[in-house]
Amino acid sequence: MNTCTRLLGSHFASYLINNDSSSLDPREVSDLKRWLAQQGLKPDDCINAEDAGFSWLPDFGLANDCMTYTFEVKK
C-alpha cells in the first residue's frame, strides 16, 4: 500500500477519520475537498492521524494545532 502524509489542522480530524463534518463550516469542507482533489486524494483515503502540535505552516489552511494525516494513495 502506498501512503502519503499531510499536515492539516486538528479540527479536520472528525471529518477525515469519521466522515463527520458537523463541526465544520460547509465552506471549510468544500475548500478541503478541493485541495485534497488537487493532491490526488479524497477524504475517504485518510487512514490515520497523529498529533503534531502547533504549526505555523500546515500543508492546508492557517496556522493551527495540527495533526499528521496519513492517506492511502490509490493509483
PDB file of N, CA and C in Angstrom:
ATOM      1  N   MET A   1       0.847  -1.171   0.000  1.00  0.00           N
ATOM      2  CA  MET A   1       0.000   0.000   0.000  1.00  0.00           C
ATOM      3  C   MET A   1       0.894   1.237   0.000  1.00  0.00           C
ATOM      4  N   ASN A   2       0.601   2.146  -0.890  1.00  0.00           N
ATOM      5  CA  ASN A   2       1.315   3.416  -0.950  1.00  0.00           C
ATOM      6  C   ASN A   2       0.578   4.444  -0.103  1.00  0.00           C
ATOM      7  N   THR A   3       1.343   5.220   0.665  1.00  0.00           N
ATOM      8  CA  THR A   3       0.744   6.245   1.508  1.00  0.00           C
ATOM      9  C   THR A   3       1.492   7.565   1.361  1.00  0.00           C
ATOM     10  N   CYS A   4       0.837   8.621   1.792  1.00  0.00           N
ATOM     11  CA  CYS A   4       1.481   9.930   1.887  1.00  0.00           C
ATOM     12  C   CYS A   4       0.942  10.601   3.138  1.00  0.00           C
ATOM     13  N   THR A   5       1.666  11.569   3.644  1.00  0.00           N
ATOM     14  CA  THR A   5       1.221  12.291   4.833  1.00  0.00           C
ATOM     15  C   THR A   5       1.040  13.762   4.499  1.00  0.00           C
ATOM     16  N   ARG A   6       0.106  14.372   5.180  1.00  0.00           N
ATOM     17  CA  ARG A   6      -0.148  15.794   5.035  1.00  0.00           C
ATOM     18  C   ARG A   6      -0.377  16.378   6.429  1.00  0.00           C
ATOM     19  N   LEU A   7       0.135  17.574   6.659  1.00  0.00           N
ATOM     20  CA  LEU A   7      -0.028  18.289   7.919  1.00  0.00           C
ATOM     21  C   LEU A   7      -1.222  19.225   7.778  1.00  0.00           C
ATOM     22  N   LEU A   8      -2.290  18.913   8.519  1.00  0.00           N
ATOM     23  CA  LEU A   8      -3.527  19.686   8.437  1.00  0.00           C
ATOM     24  C   LEU A   8      -4.028  19.983   9.837  1.00  0.00           C
ATOM     25  N   GLY A   9      -4.917  20.958   9.931  1.00  0.00           N
ATOM     26  CA  GLY A   9      -5.482  21.336  11.220  1.00  0.00           C
ATOM     27  C   GLY A   9      -6.168  20.179  11.927  1.00  0.00           C
ATOM     28  N   SER A  10      -6.030  20.142  13.237  1.00  0.00           N
ATOM     29  CA  SER A  10      -6.652  19.098  14.047  1.00  0.00           C
ATOM     30  C   SER A  10      -8.171  19.111  13.935  1.00  0.00           C
ATOM     31  N   HIS A  11      -8.739  20.277  13.657  1.00  0.00           N
ATOM     32  CA  HIS A  11     -10.193  20.380  13.570  1.00  0.00           C
ATOM     33  C   HIS A  11     -10.776  19.616  12.373  1.00  0.00           C
ATOM     34  N   PHE A  12      -9.928  19.142  11.456  1.00  0.00           N
ATOM     35  CA  PHE A  12     -10.399  18.338  10.332  1.00  0.00           C
ATOM     36  C   PHE A  12     -10.487  16.845  10.672  1.00  0.00           C
ATOM     37  N   ALA A  13      -9.997  16.448  11.854  1.00  0.00           N
ATOM     38  CA  ALA A  13      -9.908  15.022  12.198  1.00  0.00           C
ATOM     39  C   ALA A  13     -11.259  14.317  12.163  1.00  0.00           C
ATOM     40  N   SER A  14     -12.266  14.896  12.749  1.00  0.00           N
ATOM     41  CA  SER A  14     -13.569  14.244  12.793  1.00  0.00           C
ATOM     42  C   SER A  14     -14.103  13.981  11.388  1.00  0.00           C
ATOM     43  N   TYR A  15     -13.882  14.927  10.503  1.00  0.00           N
ATOM     44  CA  TYR A  15     -14.345  14.766   9.123  1.00  0.00           C
ATOM     45  C   TYR A  15     -13.521  13.721   8.376  1.00  0.00           C
ATOM     46  N   LEU A  16     -12.206  13.797   8.478  1.00  0.00           N
ATOM     47  CA  LEU A  16     -11.357  12.898   7.707  1.00  0.00           C
ATOM     48  C   LEU A  16     -11.361  11.465   8.236  1.00  0.00           C
ATOM     49  N   ILE A  17     -11.523  11.299   9.530  1.00  0.00           N
ATOM     50  CA  ILE A  17     -11.471   9.957  10.103  1.00  0.00           C
ATOM     51  C   ILE A  17     -12.863   9.340  10.251  1.00  0.00           C
ATOM     52  N   ASN A  18     -13.840  10.136  10.662  1.00  0.00           N
ATOM     53  CA  ASN A  18     -15.187   9.608  10.929  1.00  0.00           C
ATOM     54  C   ASN A  18     -16.247  10.059   9.933  1.00  0.00           C
ATOM     55  N   ASN A  19     -15.838  10.823   8.925  1.00  0.00           N
ATOM     56  CA  ASN A  19     -16.775  11.356   7.925  1.00  0.00           C
ATOM     57  C   ASN A  19     -17.885  12.184   8.595  1.00  0.00           C
ATOM     58  N   ASP A  20     -17.525  12.917   9.657  1.00  0.00           N
ATOM     59  CA  ASP A  20     -18.469  13.746  10.393  1.00  0.00           C
ATOM     60  C   ASP A  20     -18.067  15.211  10.224  1.00  0.00           C
ATOM     61  N   SER A  21     -18.789  15.917   9.384  1.00  0.00           N
ATOM     62  CA  SER A  21     -18.449  17.311   9.100  1.00  0.00           C
ATOM     63  C   SER A  21     -19.261  18.294   9.929  1.00  0.00           C
ATOM     64  N   SER A  22     -19.979  17.815  10.949  1.00  0.00           N
ATOM     65  CA  SER A  22     -20.864  18.681  11.723  1.00  0.00           C
ATOM     66  C   SER A  22     -20.135  19.820  12.451  1.00  0.00           C
ATOM     67  N   SER A  23     -18.854  19.660  12.728  1.00  0.00           N
ATOM     68  CA  SER A  23     -18.119  20.713  13.433  1.00  0.00           C
ATOM     69  C   SER A  23     -17.464  21.711  12.483  1.00  0.00           C
ATOM     70  N   LEU A  24     -17.625  21.501  11.180  1.00  0.00           N
ATOM     71  CA  LEU A  24     -17.008  22.373  10.188  1.00  0.00           C
ATOM     72  C   LEU A  24     -18.048  23.196   9.448  1.00  0.00           C
ATOM     73  N   ASP A  25     -17.628  24.360   9.007  1.00  0.00           N
ATOM     74  CA  ASP A  25     -18.447  25.192   8.146  1.00  0.00           C
ATOM     75  C   ASP A  25     -18.494  24.524   6.765  1.00  0.00           C
ATOM     76  N   PRO A  26     -19.626  24.563   6.068  1.00  0.00           N
ATOM     77  CA  PRO A  26     -19.704  23.943   4.743  1.00  0.00           C
ATOM     78  C   PRO A  26     -18.619  24.432   3.778  1.00  0.00           C
ATOM     79  N   ARG A  27     -18.238  25.693   3.903  1.00  0.00           N
ATOM     80  CA  ARG A  27     -17.181  26.211   3.031  1.00  0.00           C
ATOM     81  C   ARG A  27     -15.839  25.544   3.339  1.00  0.00           C
ATOM     82  N   GLU A  28     -15.555  25.300   4.635  1.00  0.00           N
ATOM     83  CA  GLU A  28     -14.322  24.600   5.005  1.00  0.00           C
ATOM     84  C   GLU A  28     -14.279  23.213   4.370  1.00  0.00           C
ATOM     85  N   VAL A  29     -15.419  22.532   4.391  1.00  0.00           N
ATOM     86  CA  VAL A  29     -15.492  21.188   3.807  1.00  0.00           C
ATOM     87  C   VAL A  29     -15.221  21.252   2.309  1.00  0.00           C
ATOM     88  N   SER A  30     -15.866  22.174   1.612  1.00  0.00           N
ATOM     89  CA  SER A  30     -15.664  22.259   0.155  1.00  0.00           C
ATOM     90  C   SER A  30     -14.244  22.683  -0.188  1.00  0.00           C
ATOM     91  N   ASP A  31     -13.669  23.608   0.592  1.00  0.00           N
ATOM     92  CA  ASP A  31     -12.280  24.023   0.344  1.00  0.00           C
ATOM     93  C   ASP A  31     -11.312  22.867   0.579  1.00  0.00           C
ATOM     94  N   LEU A  32     -11.538  22.098   1.647  1.00  0.00           N
ATOM     95  CA  LEU A  32     -10.674  20.953   1.931  1.00  0.00           C
ATOM     96  C   LEU A  32     -10.803  19.888   0.840  1.00  0.00           C
ATOM     97  N   LYS A  33     -12.034  19.594   0.427  1.00  0.00           N
ATOM     98  CA  LYS A  33     -12.233  18.610  -0.646  1.00  0.00           C
ATOM     99  C   LYS A  33     -11.523  19.044  -1.922  1.00  0.00           C
ATOM    100  N   ARG A  34     -11.616  20.322  -2.260  1.00  0.00           N
ATOM    101  CA  ARG A  34     -10.974  20.846  -3.465  1.00  0.00           C
ATOM    102  C   ARG A  34      -9.452  20.711  -3.362  1.00  0.00           C
ATOM    103  N   TRP A  35      -8.896  21.059  -2.204  1.00  0.00           N
ATOM    104  CA  TRP A  35      -7.454  20.963  -2.008  1.00  0.00           C
ATOM    105  C   TRP A  35      -7.001  19.515  -2.070  1.00  0.00           C
ATOM    106  N   LEU A  36      -7.736  18.619  -1.418  1.00  0.00           N
ATOM    107  CA  LEU A  36      -7.380  17.197  -1.467  1.00  0.00           C
ATOM    108  C   LEU A  36      -7.414  16.683  -2.908  1.00  0.00           C
ATOM    109  N   ALA A  37      -8.419  17.073  -3.676  1.00  0.00           N
ATOM    110  CA  ALA A  37      -8.516  16.647  -5.079  1.00  0.00           C
ATOM    111  C   ALA A  37      -7.295  17.118  -5.866  1.00  0.00           C
ATOM    112  N   GLN A  38      -6.828  18.319  -5.585  1.00  0.00           N
ATOM    113  CA  GLN A  38      -5.625  18.823  -6.255  1.00  0.00           C
ATOM    114  C   GLN A  38      -4.402  17.982  -5.890  1.00  0.00           C
ATOM    115  N   GLN A  39      -4.446  17.345  -4.719  1.00  0.00           N
ATOM    116  CA  GLN A  39      -3.354  16.483  -4.261  1.00  0.00           C
ATOM    117  C   GLN A  39      -3.534  15.045  -4.757  1.00  0.00           C
ATOM    118  N   GLY A  40      -4.648  14.788  -5.448  1.00  0.00           N
ATOM    119  CA  GLY A  40      -4.956  13.435  -5.912  1.00  0.00           C
ATOM    120  C   GLY A  40      -5.507  12.554  -4.807  1.00  0.00           C
ATOM    121  N   LEU A  41      -6.118  13.170  -3.789  1.00  0.00           N
ATOM    122  CA  LEU A  41      -6.640  12.446  -2.633  1.00  0.00           C
ATOM    123  C   LEU A  41      -8.124  12.728  -2.436  1.00  0.00           C
ATOM    124  N   LYS A  42      -8.772  11.871  -1.643  1.00  0.00           N
ATOM    125  CA  LYS A  42     -10.162  12.074  -1.242  1.00  0.00           C
ATOM    126  C   LYS A  42     -10.225  11.963   0.281  1.00  0.00           C
ATOM    127  N   PRO A  43     -11.231  12.580   0.904  1.00  0.00           N
ATOM    128  CA  PRO A  43     -11.356  12.471   2.360  1.00  0.00           C
ATOM    129  C   PRO A  43     -11.396  11.012   2.835  1.00  0.00           C
ATOM    130  N   ASP A  44     -12.020  10.137   2.058  1.00  0.00           N
ATOM    131  CA  ASP A  44     -12.123   8.725   2.431  1.00  0.00           C
ATOM    132  C   ASP A  44     -10.785   8.004   2.402  1.00  0.00           C
ATOM    133  N   ASP A  45      -9.763   8.606   1.809  1.00  0.00           N
ATOM    134  CA  ASP A  45      -8.435   7.985   1.718  1.00  0.00           C
ATOM    135  C   ASP A  45      -7.648   8.082   3.025  1.00  0.00           C
ATOM    136  N   CYS A  46      -8.136   8.873   3.983  1.00  0.00           N
ATOM    137  CA  CYS A  46      -7.410   9.061   5.252  1.00  0.00           C
ATOM    138  C   CYS A  46      -7.493   7.782   6.080  1.00  0.00           C
ATOM    139  N   ILE A  47      -6.327   7.253   6.464  1.00  0.00           N
ATOM    140  CA  ILE A  47      -6.296   6.005   7.213  1.00  0.00           C
ATOM    141  C   ILE A  47      -5.706   6.154   8.616  1.00  0.00           C
ATOM    142  N   ASN A  48      -5.136   7.323   8.933  1.00  0.00           N
ATOM    143  CA  ASN A  48      -4.541   7.512  10.260  1.00  0.00           C
ATOM    144  C   ASN A  48      -4.307   8.993  10.511  1.00  0.00           C
ATOM    145  N   ALA A  49      -4.255   9.350  11.794  1.00  0.00           N
ATOM    146  CA  ALA A  49      -3.937  10.727  12.186  1.00  0.00           C
ATOM    147  C   ALA A  49      -3.184  10.691  13.506  1.00  0.00           C
ATOM    148  N   GLU A  50      -2.137  11.493  13.597  1.00  0.00           N
ATOM    149  CA  GLU A  50      -1.337  11.579  14.813  1.00  0.00           C
ATOM    150  C   GLU A  50      -1.110  13.043  15.157  1.00  0.00           C
ATOM    151  N   ASP A  51      -1.176  13.353  16.448  1.00  0.00           N
ATOM    152  CA  ASP A  51      -0.988  14.731  16.901  1.00  0.00           C
ATOM    153  C   ASP A  51       0.398  15.233  16.508  1.00  0.00           C
ATOM    154  N   ALA A  52       0.443  16.444  15.972  1.00  0.00           N
ATOM    155  CA  ALA A  52       1.719  17.035  15.559  1.00  0.00           C
ATOM    156  C   ALA A  52       1.998  18.353  16.280  1.00  0.00           C
ATOM    157  N   GLY A  53       1.055  18.846  17.065  1.00  0.00           N
ATOM    158  CA  GLY A  53       1.242  20.109  17.766  1.00  0.00           C
ATOM    159  C   GLY A  53       0.969  21.310  16.873  1.00  0.00           C
ATOM    160  N   PHE A  54       1.327  22.469  17.368  1.00  0.00           N
ATOM    161  CA  PHE A  54       1.082  23.711  16.631  1.00  0.00           C
ATOM    162  C   PHE A  54       2.040  23.844  15.450  1.00  0.00           C
ATOM    163  N   SER A  55       1.511  24.328  14.331  1.00  0.00           N
ATOM    164  CA  SER A  55       2.352  24.600  13.166  1.00  0.00           C
ATOM    165  C   SER A  55       1.961  25.934  12.548  1.00  0.00           C
ATOM    166  N   TRP A  56       2.989  26.714  12.217  1.00  0.00           N
ATOM    167  CA  TRP A  56       2.757  27.960  11.504  1.00  0.00           C
ATOM    168  C   TRP A  56       2.496  27.704  10.029  1.00  0.00           C
ATOM    169  N   LEU A  57       2.948  26.557   9.501  1.00  0.00           N
ATOM    170  CA  LEU A  57       2.858  26.287   8.068  1.00  0.00           C
ATOM    171  C   LEU A  57       2.271  24.914   7.768  1.00  0.00           C
ATOM    172  N   PRO A  58       0.977  24.715   8.066  1.00  0.00           N
ATOM    173  CA  PRO A  58       0.383  23.443   7.675  1.00  0.00           C
ATOM    174  C   PRO A  58       0.302  23.356   6.148  1.00  0.00           C
ATOM    175  N   ASP A  59       0.108  22.156   5.631  1.00  0.00           N
ATOM    176  CA  ASP A  59       0.002  21.987   4.178  1.00  0.00           C
ATOM    177  C   ASP A  59      -1.241  22.661   3.616  1.00  0.00           C
ATOM    178  N   PHE A  60      -2.283  22.784   4.438  1.00  0.00           N
ATOM    179  CA  PHE A  60      -3.519  23.433   4.019  1.00  0.00           C
ATOM    180  C   PHE A  60      -4.073  24.217   5.199  1.00  0.00           C
ATOM    181  N   GLY A  61      -4.532  25.417   4.952  1.00  0.00           N
ATOM    182  CA  GLY A  61      -5.161  26.225   5.984  1.00  0.00           C
ATOM    183  C   GLY A  61      -4.175  27.137   6.708  1.00  0.00           C
ATOM    184  N   LEU A  62      -4.696  27.745   7.751  1.00  0.00           N
ATOM    185  CA  LEU A  62      -3.930  28.713   8.528  1.00  0.00           C
ATOM    186  C   LEU A  62      -3.169  28.037   9.655  1.00  0.00           C
ATOM    187  N   ALA A  63      -2.244  28.780  10.266  1.00  0.00           N
ATOM    188  CA  ALA A  63      -1.508  28.285  11.434  1.00  0.00           C
ATOM    189  C   ALA A  63      -2.510  27.772  12.456  1.00  0.00           C
ATOM    190  N   ASN A  64      -2.196  26.598  13.023  1.00  0.00           N
ATOM    191  CA  ASN A  64      -3.184  25.947  13.859  1.00  0.00           C
ATOM    192  C   ASN A  64      -2.551  24.787  14.614  1.00  0.00           C
ATOM    193  N   ASP A  65      -3.289  24.234  15.594  1.00  0.00           N
ATOM    194  CA  ASP A  65      -2.918  22.943  16.149  1.00  0.00           C
ATOM    195  C   ASP A  65      -3.151  21.932  15.043  1.00  0.00           C
ATOM    196  N   CYS A  66      -2.166  21.090  14.780  1.00  0.00           N
ATOM    197  CA  CYS A  66      -2.224  20.222  13.609  1.00  0.00           C
ATOM    198  C   CYS A  66      -2.066  18.754  13.952  1.00  0.00           C
ATOM    199  N   MET A  67      -2.406  17.964  12.980  1.00  0.00           N
ATOM    200  CA  MET A  67      -2.194  16.528  13.030  1.00  0.00           C
ATOM    201  C   MET A  67      -1.529  16.123  11.727  1.00  0.00           C
ATOM    202  N   THR A  68      -0.754  15.044  11.791  1.00  0.00           N
ATOM    203  CA  THR A  68      -0.189  14.459  10.576  1.00  0.00           C
ATOM    204  C   THR A  68      -1.163  13.368  10.136  1.00  0.00           C
ATOM    205  N   TYR A  69      -1.791  13.601   9.007  1.00  0.00           N
ATOM    206  CA  TYR A  69      -2.773  12.664   8.465  1.00  0.00           C
ATOM    207  C   TYR A  69      -2.086  11.783   7.430  1.00  0.00           C
ATOM    208  N   THR A  70      -2.352  10.498   7.499  1.00  0.00           N
ATOM    209  CA  THR A  70      -1.824   9.549   6.524  1.00  0.00           C
ATOM    210  C   THR A  70      -2.956   9.161   5.585  1.00  0.00           C
ATOM    211  N   PHE A  71      -2.665   9.271   4.305  1.00  0.00           N
ATOM    212  CA  PHE A  71      -3.643   8.943   3.271  1.00  0.00           C
ATOM    213  C   PHE A  71      -3.128   7.770   2.438  1.00  0.00           C
ATOM    214  N   GLU A  72      -4.048   6.886   2.062  1.00  0.00           N
ATOM    215  CA  GLU A  72      -3.694   5.832   1.126  1.00  0.00           C
ATOM    216  C   GLU A  72      -3.704   6.437  -0.270  1.00  0.00           C
ATOM    217  N   VAL A  73      -2.644   6.207  -1.009  1.00  0.00           N
ATOM    218  CA  VAL A  73      -2.537   6.718  -2.372  1.00  0.00           C
ATOM    219  C   VAL A  73      -2.986   5.608  -3.309  1.00  0.00           C
ATOM    220  N   LYS A  74      -4.090   5.844  -3.998  1.00  0.00           N
ATOM    221  CA  LYS A  74      -4.639   4.852  -4.916  1.00  0.00           C
ATOM    222  C   LYS A  74      -4.241   5.219  -6.334  1.00  0.00           C
ATOM    223  N   LYS A  75      -3.708   4.252  -7.034  1.00  0.00           N
ATOM    224  CA  LYS A  75      -3.256   4.526  -8.404  1.00  0.00           C
ATOM    225  C   LYS A  75      -4.282   4.162  -9.418  1.00  0.00           C
TER     226      LYS A  75
END
